[in-house]
Amino acid sequence: MNEKEQAEEIMEKYNRDLGKFQKEASRKEFRTVLKYVANEANRKQRELVGLDKKEENS
């Protein structure tokens, strides 16, 4: 299971409710989701400034 699938599965578990997620998620779940979000933000920033080429399957 890749990072995106893990983050999606965890957020579905908390009905995509950020408040519920922050209160009830385990430390590992919280870290997994935030790591995915940070990596995606970094990827999009690199893409915008031209450091990475846009991926075809995104």
PDB file of N, CA and C in Angstrom:
ATOM      1  N   MET A   1       0.854  -1.175   0.000  1.00  0.00           N
ATOM      2  CA  MET A   1       0.000   0.000   0.000  1.00  0.00           C
ATOM      3  C   MET A   1       0.898   1.235   0.000  1.00  0.00           C
ATOM      4  N   ASN A   2       0.652   2.148  -0.932  1.00  0.00           N
ATOM      5  CA  ASN A   2       1.499   3.332  -0.994  1.00  0.00           C
ATOM      6  C   ASN A   2       1.010   4.411  -0.014  1.00  0.00           C
ATOM      7  N   GLU A   3       1.787   5.476   0.077  1.00  0.00           N
ATOM      8  CA  GLU A   3       1.521   6.541   1.047  1.00  0.00           C
ATOM      9  C   GLU A   3       0.147   7.186   0.837  1.00  0.00           C
ATOM     10  N   LYS A   4      -0.222   7.413  -0.417  1.00  0.00           N
ATOM     11  CA  LYS A   4      -1.514   8.043  -0.716  1.00  0.00           C
ATOM     12  C   LYS A   4      -2.665   7.148  -0.271  1.00  0.00           C
ATOM     13  N   GLU A   5      -2.582   5.863  -0.583  1.00  0.00           N
ATOM     14  CA  GLU A   5      -3.637   4.930  -0.196  1.00  0.00           C
ATOM     15  C   GLU A   5      -3.773   4.838   1.318  1.00  0.00           C
ATOM     16  N   GLN A   6      -2.644   4.843   2.023  1.00  0.00           N
ATOM     17  CA  GLN A   6      -2.675   4.797   3.482  1.00  0.00           C
ATOM     18  C   GLN A   6      -3.361   6.040   4.042  1.00  0.00           C
ATOM     19  N   ALA A   7      -3.001   7.216   3.532  1.00  0.00           N
ATOM     20  CA  ALA A   7      -3.580   8.467   4.015  1.00  0.00           C
ATOM     21  C   ALA A   7      -5.084   8.504   3.727  1.00  0.00           C
ATOM     22  N   GLU A   8      -5.474   8.066   2.537  1.00  0.00           N
ATOM     23  CA  GLU A   8      -6.892   8.035   2.181  1.00  0.00           C
ATOM     24  C   GLU A   8      -7.677   7.105   3.106  1.00  0.00           C
ATOM     25  N   GLU A   9      -7.117   5.934   3.378  1.00  0.00           N
ATOM     26  CA  GLU A   9      -7.780   4.951   4.241  1.00  0.00           C
ATOM     27  C   GLU A   9      -7.948   5.501   5.661  1.00  0.00           C
ATOM     28  N   ILE A  10      -6.922   6.155   6.163  1.00  0.00           N
ATOM     29  CA  ILE A  10      -6.992   6.725   7.512  1.00  0.00           C
ATOM     30  C   ILE A  10      -8.047   7.828   7.564  1.00  0.00           C
ATOM     31  N   MET A  11      -8.067   8.698   6.569  1.00  0.00           N
ATOM     32  CA  MET A  11      -9.044   9.795   6.583  1.00  0.00           C
ATOM     33  C   MET A  11     -10.466   9.271   6.425  1.00  0.00           C
ATOM     34  N   GLU A  12     -10.662   8.210   5.659  1.00  0.00           N
ATOM     35  CA  GLU A  12     -11.991   7.602   5.537  1.00  0.00           C
ATOM     36  C   GLU A  12     -12.445   7.052   6.889  1.00  0.00           C
ATOM     37  N   LYS A  13     -11.506   6.511   7.647  1.00  0.00           N
ATOM     38  CA  LYS A  13     -11.806   5.965   8.977  1.00  0.00           C
ATOM     39  C   LYS A  13     -12.419   7.039   9.879  1.00  0.00           C
ATOM     40  N   TYR A  14     -11.986   8.295   9.706  1.00  0.00           N
ATOM     41  CA  TYR A  14     -12.493   9.413  10.512  1.00  0.00           C
ATOM     42  C   TYR A  14     -13.494  10.266   9.730  1.00  0.00           C
ATOM     43  N   ASN A  15     -14.084   9.691   8.694  1.00  0.00           N
ATOM     44  CA  ASN A  15     -15.102  10.358   7.868  1.00  0.00           C
ATOM     45  C   ASN A  15     -14.646  11.710   7.324  1.00  0.00           C
ATOM     46  N   ARG A  16     -13.359  11.813   7.054  1.00  0.00           N
ATOM     47  CA  ARG A  16     -12.757  13.038   6.505  1.00  0.00           C
ATOM     48  C   ARG A  16     -13.028  14.260   7.384  1.00  0.00           C
ATOM     49  N   ASP A  17     -13.250  14.026   8.670  1.00  0.00           N
ATOM     50  CA  ASP A  17     -13.507  15.091   9.645  1.00  0.00           C
ATOM     51  C   ASP A  17     -12.182  15.424  10.333  1.00  0.00           C
ATOM     52  N   LEU A  18     -11.638  16.591  10.024  1.00  0.00           N
ATOM     53  CA  LEU A  18     -10.331  16.967  10.549  1.00  0.00           C
ATOM     54  C   LEU A  18     -10.341  17.065  12.073  1.00  0.00           C
ATOM     55  N   GLY A  19     -11.391  17.619  12.646  1.00  0.00           N
ATOM     56  CA  GLY A  19     -11.481  17.732  14.099  1.00  0.00           C
ATOM     57  C   GLY A  19     -11.475  16.377  14.774  1.00  0.00           C
ATOM     58  N   LYS A  20     -12.279  15.477  14.265  1.00  0.00           N
ATOM     59  CA  LYS A  20     -12.342  14.113  14.806  1.00  0.00           C
ATOM     60  C   LYS A  20     -10.994  13.416  14.620  1.00  0.00           C
ATOM     61  N   PHE A  21     -10.399  13.606  13.461  1.00  0.00           N
ATOM     62  CA  PHE A  21      -9.095  13.017  13.172  1.00  0.00           C
ATOM     63  C   PHE A  21      -8.050  13.500  14.167  1.00  0.00           C
ATOM     64  N   GLN A  22      -8.000  14.811  14.420  1.00  0.00           N
ATOM     65  CA  GLN A  22      -7.005  15.365  15.330  1.00  0.00           C
ATOM     66  C   GLN A  22      -7.195  14.861  16.757  1.00  0.00           C
ATOM     67  N   LYS A  23      -8.429  14.665  17.177  1.00  0.00           N
ATOM     68  CA  LYS A  23      -8.701  14.219  18.543  1.00  0.00           C
ATOM     69  C   LYS A  23      -8.486  12.730  18.737  1.00  0.00           C
ATOM     70  N   GLU A  24      -8.849  11.921  17.737  1.00  0.00           N
ATOM     71  CA  GLU A  24      -8.908  10.478  17.933  1.00  0.00           C
ATOM     72  C   GLU A  24      -7.822   9.664  17.254  1.00  0.00           C
ATOM     73  N   ALA A  25      -7.116  10.245  16.313  1.00  0.00           N
ATOM     74  CA  ALA A  25      -6.115   9.469  15.561  1.00  0.00           C
ATOM     75  C   ALA A  25      -4.917   9.126  16.438  1.00  0.00           C
ATOM     76  N   SER A  26      -4.350   7.969  16.168  1.00  0.00           N
ATOM     77  CA  SER A  26      -3.125   7.592  16.870  1.00  0.00           C
ATOM     78  C   SER A  26      -1.979   8.457  16.342  1.00  0.00           C
ATOM     79  N   ARG A  27      -0.903   8.456  17.074  1.00  0.00           N
ATOM     80  CA  ARG A  27       0.265   9.239  16.663  1.00  0.00           C
ATOM     81  C   ARG A  27       0.767   8.782  15.291  1.00  0.00           C
ATOM     82  N   LYS A  28       0.752   7.472  15.060  1.00  0.00           N
ATOM     83  CA  LYS A  28       1.224   6.927  13.781  1.00  0.00           C
ATOM     84  C   LYS A  28       0.306   7.355  12.627  1.00  0.00           C
ATOM     85  N   GLU A  29      -1.016   7.300  12.841  1.00  0.00           N
ATOM     86  CA  GLU A  29      -1.963   7.720  11.802  1.00  0.00           C
ATOM     87  C   GLU A  29      -1.798   9.197  11.497  1.00  0.00           C
ATOM     88  N   PHE A  30      -1.677  10.004  12.548  1.00  0.00           N
ATOM     89  CA  PHE A  30      -1.532  11.451  12.384  1.00  0.00           C
ATOM     90  C   PHE A  30      -0.271  11.765  11.581  1.00  0.00           C
ATOM     91  N   ARG A  31       0.809  11.103  11.943  1.00  0.00           N
ATOM     92  CA  ARG A  31       2.076  11.337  11.259  1.00  0.00           C
ATOM     93  C   ARG A  31       2.012  10.902   9.798  1.00  0.00           C
ATOM     94  N   THR A  32       1.381   9.776   9.528  1.00  0.00           N
ATOM     95  CA  THR A  32       1.264   9.265   8.160  1.00  0.00           C
ATOM     96  C   THR A  32       0.522  10.253   7.270  1.00  0.00           C
ATOM     97  N   VAL A  33      -0.611  10.755   7.755  1.00  0.00           N
ATOM     98  CA  VAL A  33      -1.414  11.689   6.958  1.00  0.00           C
ATOM     99  C   VAL A  33      -0.679  13.008   6.761  1.00  0.00           C
ATOM    100  N   LEU A  34      -0.100  13.554   7.828  1.00  0.00           N
ATOM    101  CA  LEU A  34       0.598  14.833   7.685  1.00  0.00           C
ATOM    102  C   LEU A  34       1.837  14.708   6.803  1.00  0.00           C
ATOM    103  N   LYS A  35       2.505  13.572   6.862  1.00  0.00           N
ATOM    104  CA  LYS A  35       3.665  13.354   5.994  1.00  0.00           C
ATOM    105  C   LYS A  35       3.230  13.341   4.528  1.00  0.00           C
ATOM    106  N   TYR A  36       2.128  12.673   4.246  1.00  0.00           N
ATOM    107  CA  TYR A  36       1.622  12.637   2.873  1.00  0.00           C
ATOM    108  C   TYR A  36       1.260  14.045   2.388  1.00  0.00           C
ATOM    109  N   VAL A  37       0.565  14.800   3.231  1.00  0.00           N
ATOM    110  CA  VAL A  37       0.153  16.161   2.859  1.00  0.00           C
ATOM    111  C   VAL A  37       1.382  17.039   2.603  1.00  0.00           C
ATOM    112  N   ALA A  38       2.375  16.958   3.471  1.00  0.00           N
ATOM    113  CA  ALA A  38       3.591  17.753   3.299  1.00  0.00           C
ATOM    114  C   ALA A  38       4.337  17.357   2.028  1.00  0.00           C
ATOM    115  N   ASN A  39       4.440  16.070   1.764  1.00  0.00           N
ATOM    116  CA  ASN A  39       5.127  15.615   0.552  1.00  0.00           C
ATOM    117  C   ASN A  39       4.408  16.085  -0.711  1.00  0.00           C
ATOM    118  N   GLU A  40       3.088  16.052  -0.690  1.00  0.00           N
ATOM    119  CA  GLU A  40       2.321  16.526  -1.852  1.00  0.00           C
ATOM    120  C   GLU A  40       2.494  18.031  -2.049  1.00  0.00           C
ATOM    121  N   ALA A  41       2.484  18.791  -0.952  1.00  0.00           N
ATOM    122  CA  ALA A  41       2.687  20.240  -1.048  1.00  0.00           C
ATOM    123  C   ALA A  41       4.067  20.548  -1.617  1.00  0.00           C
ATOM    124  N   ASN A  42       5.072  19.844  -1.144  1.00  0.00           N
ATOM    125  CA  ASN A  42       6.432  20.043  -1.654  1.00  0.00           C
ATOM    126  C   ASN A  42       6.532  19.671  -3.128  1.00  0.00           C
ATOM    127  N   ARG A  43       5.895  18.576  -3.510  1.00  0.00           N
ATOM    128  CA  ARG A  43       5.925  18.142  -4.909  1.00  0.00           C
ATOM    129  C   ARG A  43       5.281  19.193  -5.809  1.00  0.00           C
ATOM    130  N   LYS A  44       4.145  19.726  -5.363  1.00  0.00           N
ATOM    131  CA  LYS A  44       3.457  20.736  -6.180  1.00  0.00           C
ATOM    132  C   LYS A  44       4.258  22.034  -6.268  1.00  0.00           C
ATOM    133  N   GLN A  45       4.932  22.417  -5.185  1.00  0.00           N
ATOM    134  CA  GLN A  45       5.776  23.613  -5.229  1.00  0.00           C
ATOM    135  C   GLN A  45       6.937  23.417  -6.198  1.00  0.00           C
ATOM    136  N   ARG A  46       7.590  22.262  -6.137  1.00  0.00           N
ATOM    137  CA  ARG A  46       8.695  21.993  -7.064  1.00  0.00           C
ATOM    138  C   ARG A  46       8.204  22.011  -8.505  1.00  0.00           C
ATOM    139  N   GLU A  47       7.017  21.478  -8.710  1.00  0.00           N
ATOM    140  CA  GLU A  47       6.431  21.448 -10.046  1.00  0.00           C
ATOM    141  C   GLU A  47       6.168  22.875 -10.549  1.00  0.00           C
ATOM    142  N   LEU A  48       5.651  23.724  -9.666  1.00  0.00           N
ATOM    143  CA  LEU A  48       5.337  25.101 -10.050  1.00  0.00           C
ATOM    144  C   LEU A  48       6.572  25.910 -10.430  1.00  0.00           C
ATOM    145  N   VAL A  49       7.669  25.705  -9.723  1.00  0.00           N
ATOM    146  CA  VAL A  49       8.871  26.479 -10.022  1.00  0.00           C
ATOM    147  C   VAL A  49       9.754  25.803 -11.059  1.00  0.00           C
ATOM    148  N   GLY A  50       9.333  24.657 -11.551  1.00  0.00           N
ATOM    149  CA  GLY A  50      10.045  23.996 -12.640  1.00  0.00           C
ATOM    150  C   GLY A  50      11.162  23.074 -12.236  1.00  0.00           C
ATOM    151  N   LEU A  51      11.246  22.733 -10.955  1.00  0.00           N
ATOM    152  CA  LEU A  51      12.306  21.813 -10.524  1.00  0.00           C
ATOM    153  C   LEU A  51      11.957  20.364 -10.869  1.00  0.00           C
ATOM    154  N   ASP A  52      10.702  20.052 -10.914  1.00  0.00           N
ATOM    155  CA  ASP A  52      10.237  18.716 -11.292  1.00  0.00           C
ATOM    156  C   ASP A  52       9.295  18.837 -12.469  1.00  0.00           C
ATOM    157  N   LYS A  53       9.359  17.867 -13.354  1.00  0.00           N
ATOM    158  CA  LYS A  53       8.418  17.846 -14.461  1.00  0.00           C
ATOM    159  C   LYS A  53       7.095  17.331 -13.958  1.00  0.00           C
ATOM    160  N   LYS A  54       6.010  17.818 -14.541  1.00  0.00           N
ATOM    161  CA  LYS A  54       4.669  17.378 -14.150  1.00  0.00           C
ATOM    162  C   LYS A  54       4.507  15.912 -14.500  1.00  0.00           C
ATOM    163  N   GLU A  55       3.960  15.151 -13.531  1.00  0.00           N
ATOM    164  CA  GLU A  55       3.748  13.730 -13.769  1.00  0.00           C
ATOM    165  C   GLU A  55       2.491  13.529 -14.600  1.00  0.00           C
ATOM    166  N   GLU A  56       2.548  12.586 -15.495  1.00  0.00           N
ATOM    167  CA  GLU A  56       1.425  12.312 -16.388  1.00  0.00           C
ATOM    168  C   GLU A  56       0.265  11.663 -15.673  1.00  0.00           C
ATOM    169  N   ASN A  57       0.500  10.816 -14.655  1.00  0.00           N
ATOM    170  CA  ASN A  57      -0.584  10.062 -14.018  1.00  0.00           C
ATOM    171  C   ASN A  57      -1.146  10.732 -12.769  1.00  0.00           C
ATOM    172  N   SER A  58      -0.854  11.964 -12.493  1.00  0.00           N
ATOM    173  CA  SER A  58      -1.366  12.609 -11.268  1.00  0.00           C
ATOM    174  C   SER A  58      -2.795  13.034 -11.418  1.00  0.00           C
TER     175      SER A  58
END
